[in-house]
Amino acid sequence: MKLYLTKPDMFFFGQYNEMMTEWLKSGTQIAPWFLDKPYDNLEDFAGFVQMLDNCERGNLDKKYASTTSYFVTDEKDMLIGAASLRHYLTADGYKTWGHIGYGVRPSERLKGYGTNILKMTLEEAKVMKIQKVLVSCHALNIGSAKVIESCGGVFENIVSDPDDKNEKIRRYWIDNK
């Protein structure tokens, strides 16, 4: 099945809420960073979409990197997951999470989507001329580690999440030339 990286917009309000409700019920890790919770109304969701647009344009606190956020859809515009691409690494980004974050909604996992999402996001990084890409995952997320490795990820180390010292993060570098 063909997947697409799509900029978040109001069209996805209902599907976003369904996906986030599913994710929260599953009790599994939500990724990438910008996925959070369902929104009660269109106005709040519009604010969320605007915040993501501001992040892409660099209209944010300078301690954060400009980031392009994507919803991942299939051929029928079904929301499968999401991806984020940091345009550069800040000191904190270099220490832990890196350039790319991605996630697949729980009901769509184990179908190869994670690999496709990472490959598509690496192509976007190539367009931005990011030739050495840092990608990380939770140390216990073996599925994500396998996805990163299948896309050329070379393991560097395991670090502690600065927000939760008990949470360990696996870091990989991908040569993206």
N, C-alpha and C. Protein backbone atom coordinates (compact mmCIF):
# COMPACT_ATOMS: atom_id res chain seq x y z
N MET A 1 0.84 -1.19 0.00
CA MET A 1 0.00 0.00 0.00
C MET A 1 0.88 1.25 0.00
N LYS A 2 0.52 2.20 -0.77
CA LYS A 2 1.26 3.45 -0.90
C LYS A 2 0.93 4.37 0.27
N LEU A 3 1.97 4.97 0.85
CA LEU A 3 1.81 5.94 1.93
C LEU A 3 2.27 7.32 1.46
N TYR A 4 1.74 8.34 2.13
CA TYR A 4 2.07 9.73 1.77
C TYR A 4 2.35 10.53 3.03
N LEU A 5 3.33 11.42 2.93
CA LEU A 5 3.56 12.41 3.98
C LEU A 5 2.69 13.61 3.64
N THR A 6 1.85 14.01 4.56
CA THR A 6 0.88 15.08 4.34
C THR A 6 1.00 16.10 5.45
N LYS A 7 0.99 17.36 5.11
CA LYS A 7 1.03 18.39 6.16
C LYS A 7 -0.27 18.34 6.96
N PRO A 8 -0.17 18.45 8.28
CA PRO A 8 -1.38 18.46 9.11
C PRO A 8 -2.29 19.63 8.71
N ASP A 9 -3.58 19.33 8.57
CA ASP A 9 -4.54 20.40 8.33
C ASP A 9 -5.91 19.99 8.90
N MET A 10 -6.85 20.89 8.78
CA MET A 10 -8.15 20.73 9.42
C MET A 10 -8.92 19.51 8.90
N PHE A 11 -8.64 19.06 7.72
CA PHE A 11 -9.29 17.90 7.13
C PHE A 11 -9.19 16.68 8.06
N PHE A 12 -8.12 16.60 8.83
CA PHE A 12 -7.84 15.41 9.63
C PHE A 12 -8.36 15.48 11.07
N PHE A 13 -9.16 16.50 11.40
CA PHE A 13 -9.63 16.67 12.77
C PHE A 13 -10.23 15.38 13.34
N GLY A 14 -11.21 14.82 12.68
CA GLY A 14 -11.87 13.61 13.18
C GLY A 14 -10.94 12.42 13.24
N GLN A 15 -10.20 12.20 12.18
CA GLN A 15 -9.28 11.06 12.15
C GLN A 15 -8.16 11.20 13.18
N TYR A 16 -7.68 12.42 13.37
CA TYR A 16 -6.64 12.65 14.38
C TYR A 16 -7.18 12.24 15.75
N ASN A 17 -8.38 12.68 16.07
CA ASN A 17 -8.97 12.35 17.37
C ASN A 17 -9.16 10.85 17.52
N GLU A 18 -9.60 10.17 16.47
CA GLU A 18 -9.75 8.71 16.52
C GLU A 18 -8.40 8.05 16.76
N MET A 19 -7.37 8.50 16.03
CA MET A 19 -6.04 7.91 16.17
C MET A 19 -5.51 8.12 17.59
N MET A 20 -5.66 9.32 18.12
CA MET A 20 -5.11 9.61 19.45
C MET A 20 -5.88 8.86 20.54
N THR A 21 -7.19 8.71 20.37
CA THR A 21 -7.98 7.93 21.32
C THR A 21 -7.50 6.48 21.31
N GLU A 22 -7.28 5.95 20.11
CA GLU A 22 -6.76 4.58 19.97
C GLU A 22 -5.40 4.44 20.65
N TRP A 23 -4.52 5.40 20.42
CA TRP A 23 -3.18 5.37 20.99
C TRP A 23 -3.23 5.40 22.52
N LEU A 24 -4.04 6.31 23.06
CA LEU A 24 -4.14 6.43 24.51
C LEU A 24 -4.70 5.15 25.13
N LYS A 25 -5.71 4.55 24.50
CA LYS A 25 -6.28 3.30 25.01
C LYS A 25 -5.28 2.16 24.97
N SER A 26 -4.37 2.19 24.00
CA SER A 26 -3.39 1.10 23.86
C SER A 26 -2.34 1.12 24.97
N GLY A 27 -2.12 2.28 25.55
CA GLY A 27 -1.11 2.42 26.59
C GLY A 27 0.31 2.36 26.06
N THR A 28 0.48 2.42 24.75
CA THR A 28 1.82 2.36 24.15
C THR A 28 2.37 3.77 23.96
N GLN A 29 3.68 3.82 23.76
CA GLN A 29 4.39 5.10 23.58
C GLN A 29 3.83 5.84 22.37
N ILE A 30 3.57 7.12 22.54
CA ILE A 30 3.09 7.98 21.46
C ILE A 30 4.27 8.71 20.85
N ALA A 31 4.39 8.63 19.53
CA ALA A 31 5.48 9.31 18.81
C ALA A 31 4.98 9.67 17.42
N PRO A 32 5.51 10.75 16.87
CA PRO A 32 6.55 11.65 17.34
C PRO A 32 6.03 12.66 18.35
N TRP A 33 6.91 13.58 18.70
CA TRP A 33 6.70 14.52 19.80
C TRP A 33 5.40 15.29 19.73
N PHE A 34 4.93 15.64 18.56
CA PHE A 34 3.80 16.56 18.46
C PHE A 34 2.45 15.88 18.66
N LEU A 35 2.40 14.55 18.60
CA LEU A 35 1.15 13.85 18.88
C LEU A 35 0.92 13.86 20.38
N ASP A 36 -0.29 14.16 20.78
CA ASP A 36 -0.52 14.35 22.20
C ASP A 36 -1.84 13.76 22.66
N LYS A 37 -2.92 14.36 22.25
CA LYS A 37 -4.23 14.01 22.78
C LYS A 37 -5.30 14.39 21.75
N PRO A 38 -6.51 13.84 21.91
CA PRO A 38 -7.62 14.32 21.06
C PRO A 38 -7.96 15.76 21.42
N TYR A 39 -8.53 16.49 20.47
CA TYR A 39 -8.96 17.86 20.70
C TYR A 39 -10.47 17.93 20.77
N ASP A 40 -10.99 18.74 21.71
CA ASP A 40 -12.42 18.83 21.94
C ASP A 40 -13.18 19.54 20.83
N ASN A 41 -12.48 20.45 20.14
CA ASN A 41 -13.20 21.25 19.14
C ASN A 41 -12.26 21.67 18.02
N LEU A 42 -12.87 22.15 16.95
CA LEU A 42 -12.10 22.57 15.78
C LEU A 42 -11.18 23.73 16.09
N GLU A 43 -11.59 24.63 16.96
CA GLU A 43 -10.76 25.79 17.29
C GLU A 43 -9.44 25.36 17.94
N ASP A 44 -9.52 24.45 18.88
CA ASP A 44 -8.30 23.96 19.53
C ASP A 44 -7.41 23.20 18.53
N PHE A 45 -8.04 22.41 17.67
CA PHE A 45 -7.27 21.67 16.66
C PHE A 45 -6.61 22.64 15.69
N ALA A 46 -7.30 23.72 15.33
CA ALA A 46 -6.72 24.74 14.44
C ALA A 46 -5.50 25.36 15.10
N GLY A 47 -5.55 25.57 16.41
CA GLY A 47 -4.39 26.09 17.13
C GLY A 47 -3.22 25.12 17.08
N PHE A 48 -3.50 23.84 17.18
CA PHE A 48 -2.48 22.80 17.08
C PHE A 48 -1.84 22.82 15.69
N VAL A 49 -2.65 22.88 14.65
CA VAL A 49 -2.13 22.93 13.28
C VAL A 49 -1.28 24.18 13.09
N GLN A 50 -1.72 25.31 13.63
CA GLN A 50 -0.96 26.56 13.52
C GLN A 50 0.37 26.45 14.26
N MET A 51 0.37 25.81 15.43
CA MET A 51 1.61 25.62 16.19
C MET A 51 2.62 24.82 15.37
N LEU A 52 2.15 23.77 14.69
CA LEU A 52 3.05 22.97 13.86
C LEU A 52 3.60 23.79 12.69
N ASP A 53 2.76 24.63 12.11
CA ASP A 53 3.22 25.51 11.03
C ASP A 53 4.27 26.49 11.57
N ASN A 54 4.04 27.03 12.76
CA ASN A 54 5.02 27.95 13.37
C ASN A 54 6.34 27.24 13.61
N CYS A 55 6.29 25.99 14.06
CA CYS A 55 7.52 25.22 14.29
C CYS A 55 8.31 25.04 13.00
N GLU A 56 7.61 24.80 11.91
CA GLU A 56 8.29 24.61 10.63
C GLU A 56 8.95 25.91 10.17
N ARG A 57 8.29 27.01 10.41
CA ARG A 57 8.81 28.31 9.96
C ARG A 57 9.83 28.91 10.92
N GLY A 58 10.10 28.23 12.03
CA GLY A 58 11.09 28.72 12.98
C GLY A 58 10.55 29.76 13.94
N ASN A 59 9.22 29.92 13.99
CA ASN A 59 8.60 30.88 14.91
C ASN A 59 8.37 30.20 16.26
N LEU A 60 9.47 29.97 16.98
CA LEU A 60 9.40 29.26 18.24
C LEU A 60 10.56 29.66 19.12
N ASP A 61 10.52 29.20 20.34
CA ASP A 61 11.61 29.43 21.28
C ASP A 61 12.91 28.93 20.64
N LYS A 62 13.95 29.72 20.67
CA LYS A 62 15.21 29.40 19.97
C LYS A 62 15.93 28.18 20.53
N LYS A 63 15.51 27.69 21.71
CA LYS A 63 16.14 26.47 22.22
C LYS A 63 15.65 25.23 21.48
N TYR A 64 14.58 25.39 20.66
CA TYR A 64 14.05 24.29 19.87
C TYR A 64 14.44 24.45 18.41
N ALA A 65 14.58 23.33 17.72
CA ALA A 65 14.90 23.36 16.29
C ALA A 65 13.63 23.50 15.47
N SER A 66 13.74 24.19 14.33
CA SER A 66 12.64 24.21 13.38
C SER A 66 12.35 22.77 12.96
N THR A 67 11.08 22.43 12.87
CA THR A 67 10.68 21.06 12.62
C THR A 67 9.51 21.02 11.65
N THR A 68 9.59 20.16 10.64
CA THR A 68 8.47 19.91 9.76
C THR A 68 7.75 18.67 10.27
N SER A 69 6.44 18.80 10.42
CA SER A 69 5.61 17.70 10.92
C SER A 69 4.73 17.18 9.80
N TYR A 70 4.54 15.87 9.81
CA TYR A 70 3.74 15.22 8.77
C TYR A 70 2.73 14.28 9.40
N PHE A 71 1.54 14.22 8.81
CA PHE A 71 0.65 13.10 9.03
C PHE A 71 0.97 12.11 7.92
N VAL A 72 0.87 10.84 8.22
CA VAL A 72 1.11 9.79 7.23
C VAL A 72 -0.24 9.19 6.88
N THR A 73 -0.57 9.21 5.59
CA THR A 73 -1.87 8.70 5.13
C THR A 73 -1.67 7.63 4.07
N ASP A 74 -2.72 6.85 3.88
CA ASP A 74 -2.68 5.86 2.80
C ASP A 74 -3.42 6.42 1.58
N GLU A 75 -3.66 5.57 0.60
CA GLU A 75 -4.29 5.99 -0.66
C GLU A 75 -5.72 6.49 -0.48
N LYS A 76 -6.34 6.11 0.64
CA LYS A 76 -7.73 6.53 0.91
C LYS A 76 -7.78 7.67 1.92
N ASP A 77 -6.65 8.33 2.15
CA ASP A 77 -6.53 9.42 3.12
C ASP A 77 -6.76 8.98 4.55
N MET A 78 -6.59 7.68 4.83
CA MET A 78 -6.68 7.21 6.22
C MET A 78 -5.40 7.58 6.96
N LEU A 79 -5.54 8.10 8.16
CA LEU A 79 -4.39 8.51 8.96
C LEU A 79 -3.76 7.26 9.59
N ILE A 80 -2.52 6.96 9.15
CA ILE A 80 -1.78 5.77 9.56
C ILE A 80 -0.83 6.09 10.72
N GLY A 81 -0.29 7.29 10.73
CA GLY A 81 0.70 7.66 11.75
C GLY A 81 1.19 9.07 11.50
N ALA A 82 2.43 9.32 11.93
CA ALA A 82 2.98 10.67 11.81
C ALA A 82 4.50 10.60 11.80
N ALA A 83 5.11 11.68 11.33
CA ALA A 83 6.57 11.81 11.32
C ALA A 83 6.94 13.26 11.56
N SER A 84 8.14 13.45 12.10
CA SER A 84 8.66 14.81 12.26
C SER A 84 10.11 14.82 11.81
N LEU A 85 10.52 15.95 11.27
CA LEU A 85 11.88 16.12 10.77
C LEU A 85 12.43 17.44 11.28
N ARG A 86 13.40 17.34 12.20
CA ARG A 86 14.08 18.55 12.67
C ARG A 86 15.06 19.01 11.60
N HIS A 87 15.06 20.29 11.33
CA HIS A 87 15.90 20.85 10.27
C HIS A 87 17.37 20.89 10.67
N TYR A 88 17.65 20.90 11.95
CA TYR A 88 19.01 20.92 12.50
C TYR A 88 18.92 20.43 13.93
N LEU A 89 20.04 20.12 14.52
CA LEU A 89 20.06 19.63 15.90
C LEU A 89 20.50 20.73 16.85
N THR A 90 19.75 20.90 17.92
CA THR A 90 20.16 21.76 19.02
C THR A 90 21.00 20.91 19.96
N ALA A 91 21.56 21.50 20.98
CA ALA A 91 22.36 20.74 21.94
C ALA A 91 21.54 19.60 22.54
N ASP A 92 20.28 19.86 22.92
CA ASP A 92 19.43 18.81 23.48
C ASP A 92 19.09 17.76 22.44
N GLY A 93 18.79 18.19 21.22
CA GLY A 93 18.47 17.25 20.14
C GLY A 93 19.62 16.33 19.84
N TYR A 94 20.82 16.86 19.90
CA TYR A 94 21.99 16.03 19.63
C TYR A 94 22.20 15.00 20.72
N LYS A 95 21.86 15.34 21.94
CA LYS A 95 22.10 14.44 23.06
C LYS A 95 21.12 13.27 23.10
N THR A 96 19.92 13.45 22.53
CA THR A 96 18.93 12.38 22.67
C THR A 96 18.25 12.02 21.35
N TRP A 97 17.22 12.74 20.96
CA TRP A 97 16.29 12.25 19.95
C TRP A 97 16.71 12.44 18.51
N GLY A 98 17.40 13.46 18.14
CA GLY A 98 17.87 13.58 16.78
C GLY A 98 16.94 14.26 15.80
N HIS A 99 17.12 13.94 14.51
CA HIS A 99 16.41 14.60 13.42
C HIS A 99 15.00 14.09 13.19
N ILE A 100 14.80 12.78 13.22
CA ILE A 100 13.54 12.19 12.77
C ILE A 100 12.86 11.45 13.91
N GLY A 101 11.56 11.70 14.02
CA GLY A 101 10.69 10.93 14.89
C GLY A 101 9.55 10.40 14.04
N TYR A 102 9.05 9.24 14.37
CA TYR A 102 7.93 8.69 13.60
C TYR A 102 7.13 7.75 14.49
N GLY A 103 5.89 7.52 14.11
CA GLY A 103 5.05 6.60 14.85
C GLY A 103 3.94 6.08 13.97
N VAL A 104 3.50 4.87 14.28
CA VAL A 104 2.40 4.21 13.57
C VAL A 104 1.30 3.93 14.59
N ARG A 105 0.08 4.30 14.27
CA ARG A 105 -1.03 4.06 15.19
C ARG A 105 -1.12 2.56 15.50
N PRO A 106 -1.51 2.22 16.71
CA PRO A 106 -1.46 0.82 17.15
C PRO A 106 -2.13 -0.19 16.22
N SER A 107 -3.30 0.13 15.67
CA SER A 107 -4.01 -0.83 14.82
C SER A 107 -3.34 -1.06 13.47
N GLU A 108 -2.35 -0.25 13.13
CA GLU A 108 -1.69 -0.36 11.82
C GLU A 108 -0.25 -0.84 11.93
N ARG A 109 0.15 -1.28 13.11
CA ARG A 109 1.53 -1.74 13.30
C ARG A 109 1.73 -3.14 12.71
N LEU A 110 3.00 -3.48 12.53
CA LEU A 110 3.42 -4.79 12.01
C LEU A 110 2.98 -5.02 10.57
N LYS A 111 2.87 -3.94 9.80
CA LYS A 111 2.51 -4.01 8.39
C LYS A 111 3.59 -3.41 7.50
N GLY A 112 4.76 -3.08 8.08
CA GLY A 112 5.85 -2.49 7.32
C GLY A 112 5.76 -0.98 7.18
N TYR A 113 4.77 -0.36 7.80
CA TYR A 113 4.59 1.08 7.65
C TYR A 113 5.72 1.88 8.28
N GLY A 114 6.24 1.43 9.41
CA GLY A 114 7.32 2.17 10.07
C GLY A 114 8.52 2.35 9.16
N THR A 115 8.90 1.27 8.47
CA THR A 115 10.03 1.34 7.53
C THR A 115 9.73 2.32 6.41
N ASN A 116 8.53 2.26 5.86
CA ASN A 116 8.17 3.19 4.77
C ASN A 116 8.17 4.63 5.24
N ILE A 117 7.65 4.85 6.44
CA ILE A 117 7.61 6.22 6.98
C ILE A 117 9.03 6.76 7.16
N LEU A 118 9.91 5.95 7.74
CA LEU A 118 11.28 6.41 7.94
C LEU A 118 11.96 6.67 6.60
N LYS A 119 11.78 5.79 5.62
CA LYS A 119 12.39 6.01 4.30
C LYS A 119 11.88 7.30 3.66
N MET A 120 10.58 7.55 3.74
CA MET A 120 10.03 8.78 3.15
C MET A 120 10.58 10.01 3.86
N THR A 121 10.70 9.94 5.17
CA THR A 121 11.20 11.08 5.93
C THR A 121 12.68 11.30 5.65
N LEU A 122 13.43 10.22 5.44
CA LEU A 122 14.84 10.36 5.03
C LEU A 122 14.95 11.06 3.68
N GLU A 123 14.03 10.79 2.78
CA GLU A 123 14.02 11.49 1.49
C GLU A 123 13.79 12.98 1.68
N GLU A 124 12.89 13.34 2.59
CA GLU A 124 12.67 14.75 2.89
C GLU A 124 13.92 15.38 3.51
N ALA A 125 14.63 14.62 4.34
CA ALA A 125 15.88 15.12 4.92
C ALA A 125 16.91 15.35 3.82
N LYS A 126 16.92 14.48 2.84
CA LYS A 126 17.84 14.63 1.70
C LYS A 126 17.55 15.93 0.95
N VAL A 127 16.27 16.22 0.75
CA VAL A 127 15.88 17.48 0.09
C VAL A 127 16.40 18.68 0.88
N MET A 128 16.40 18.55 2.21
CA MET A 128 16.91 19.63 3.08
C MET A 128 18.42 19.58 3.22
N LYS A 129 19.05 18.66 2.51
CA LYS A 129 20.51 18.50 2.50
C LYS A 129 21.06 18.08 3.87
N ILE A 130 20.27 17.29 4.59
CA ILE A 130 20.73 16.70 5.85
C ILE A 130 21.34 15.35 5.48
N GLN A 131 22.67 15.29 5.50
CA GLN A 131 23.37 14.11 5.01
C GLN A 131 23.71 13.09 6.08
N LYS A 132 23.75 13.52 7.30
CA LYS A 132 24.02 12.61 8.42
C LYS A 132 22.85 12.79 9.39
N VAL A 133 22.03 11.73 9.50
CA VAL A 133 20.76 11.84 10.21
C VAL A 133 20.81 11.02 11.50
N LEU A 134 20.48 11.67 12.60
CA LEU A 134 20.38 11.00 13.90
C LEU A 134 18.93 10.58 14.11
N VAL A 135 18.73 9.29 14.38
CA VAL A 135 17.40 8.75 14.66
C VAL A 135 17.50 7.93 15.94
N SER A 136 16.56 8.11 16.84
CA SER A 136 16.59 7.42 18.13
C SER A 136 15.26 6.75 18.41
N CYS A 137 15.29 5.81 19.33
CA CYS A 137 14.06 5.16 19.78
C CYS A 137 14.23 4.73 21.23
N HIS A 138 13.13 4.48 21.88
CA HIS A 138 13.20 3.95 23.24
C HIS A 138 13.93 2.62 23.19
N ALA A 139 14.82 2.39 24.16
CA ALA A 139 15.68 1.20 24.15
C ALA A 139 14.88 -0.10 24.12
N LEU A 140 13.70 -0.12 24.71
CA LEU A 140 12.89 -1.33 24.74
C LEU A 140 12.01 -1.51 23.51
N ASN A 141 12.03 -0.52 22.60
CA ASN A 141 11.20 -0.61 21.40
C ASN A 141 12.00 -1.34 20.30
N ILE A 142 12.00 -2.65 20.38
CA ILE A 142 12.79 -3.47 19.46
C ILE A 142 12.30 -3.30 18.03
N GLY A 143 10.98 -3.16 17.83
CA GLY A 143 10.45 -2.96 16.48
C GLY A 143 11.01 -1.72 15.83
N SER A 144 11.06 -0.63 16.56
CA SER A 144 11.60 0.62 16.01
C SER A 144 13.10 0.49 15.75
N ALA A 145 13.82 -0.18 16.66
CA ALA A 145 15.25 -0.38 16.45
C ALA A 145 15.49 -1.16 15.15
N LYS A 146 14.67 -2.17 14.89
CA LYS A 146 14.80 -2.95 13.65
C LYS A 146 14.49 -2.10 12.42
N VAL A 147 13.49 -1.23 12.53
CA VAL A 147 13.16 -0.32 11.42
C VAL A 147 14.37 0.57 11.12
N ILE A 148 14.93 1.18 12.15
CA ILE A 148 16.06 2.10 11.96
C ILE A 148 17.25 1.35 11.35
N GLU A 149 17.54 0.17 11.84
CA GLU A 149 18.64 -0.62 11.31
C GLU A 149 18.39 -1.02 9.86
N SER A 150 17.14 -1.35 9.51
CA SER A 150 16.83 -1.74 8.13
C SER A 150 16.97 -0.57 7.17
N CYS A 151 16.94 0.65 7.70
CA CYS A 151 17.11 1.85 6.87
C CYS A 151 18.54 2.38 6.91
N GLY A 152 19.46 1.56 7.38
CA GLY A 152 20.87 1.93 7.38
C GLY A 152 21.38 2.51 8.67
N GLY A 153 20.59 2.47 9.72
CA GLY A 153 21.01 3.03 11.00
C GLY A 153 22.18 2.26 11.59
N VAL A 154 23.20 3.01 11.99
CA VAL A 154 24.37 2.44 12.65
C VAL A 154 24.31 2.85 14.12
N PHE A 155 24.20 1.86 14.99
CA PHE A 155 24.07 2.10 16.42
C PHE A 155 25.26 2.88 16.96
N GLU A 156 24.98 3.93 17.72
CA GLU A 156 26.05 4.70 18.37
C GLU A 156 26.11 4.40 19.86
N ASN A 157 24.99 4.61 20.57
CA ASN A 157 25.03 4.41 22.01
C ASN A 157 23.61 4.43 22.58
N ILE A 158 23.55 4.22 23.88
CA ILE A 158 22.31 4.35 24.64
C ILE A 158 22.51 5.46 25.65
N VAL A 159 21.55 6.39 25.70
CA VAL A 159 21.61 7.51 26.64
C VAL A 159 20.34 7.54 27.47
N SER A 160 20.36 8.32 28.54
CA SER A 160 19.17 8.51 29.37
C SER A 160 18.36 9.67 28.82
N ASP A 161 17.05 9.52 28.83
CA ASP A 161 16.14 10.59 28.45
C ASP A 161 16.30 11.70 29.50
N PRO A 162 16.56 12.94 29.08
CA PRO A 162 16.76 14.02 30.06
C PRO A 162 15.51 14.30 30.90
N ASP A 163 14.33 13.94 30.40
CA ASP A 163 13.10 14.16 31.15
C ASP A 163 12.76 13.01 32.09
N ASP A 164 13.39 11.85 31.88
CA ASP A 164 13.16 10.67 32.71
C ASP A 164 14.42 9.81 32.69
N LYS A 165 15.26 10.02 33.68
CA LYS A 165 16.58 9.35 33.71
C LYS A 165 16.47 7.82 33.69
N ASN A 166 15.31 7.27 34.05
CA ASN A 166 15.12 5.81 34.01
C ASN A 166 14.83 5.31 32.60
N GLU A 167 14.45 6.21 31.69
CA GLU A 167 14.13 5.84 30.31
C GLU A 167 15.40 5.90 29.46
N LYS A 168 15.72 4.80 28.83
CA LYS A 168 16.93 4.71 28.00
C LYS A 168 16.56 4.85 26.53
N ILE A 169 17.43 5.55 25.80
CA ILE A 169 17.22 5.87 24.39
C ILE A 169 18.35 5.28 23.56
N ARG A 170 18.01 4.52 22.51
CA ARG A 170 19.00 3.99 21.56
C ARG A 170 19.19 5.02 20.45
N ARG A 171 20.44 5.35 20.14
CA ARG A 171 20.75 6.36 19.12
C ARG A 171 21.47 5.72 17.93
N TYR A 172 21.04 6.11 16.74
CA TYR A 172 21.60 5.60 15.49
C TYR A 172 21.91 6.76 14.55
N TRP A 173 22.94 6.58 13.73
CA TRP A 173 23.24 7.52 12.65
C TRP A 173 22.98 6.84 11.31
N ILE A 174 22.39 7.60 10.40
CA ILE A 174 22.14 7.11 9.04
C ILE A 174 22.86 8.03 8.06
N ASP A 175 23.68 7.44 7.20
CA ASP A 175 24.33 8.19 6.12
C ASP A 175 23.28 8.40 5.05
N ASN A 176 22.94 9.65 4.78
CA ASN A 176 21.78 9.98 3.93
C ASN A 176 22.21 10.72 2.65
N LYS A 177 23.32 10.29 2.07
CA LYS A 177 23.82 10.98 0.86
C LYS A 177 23.17 10.43 -0.38
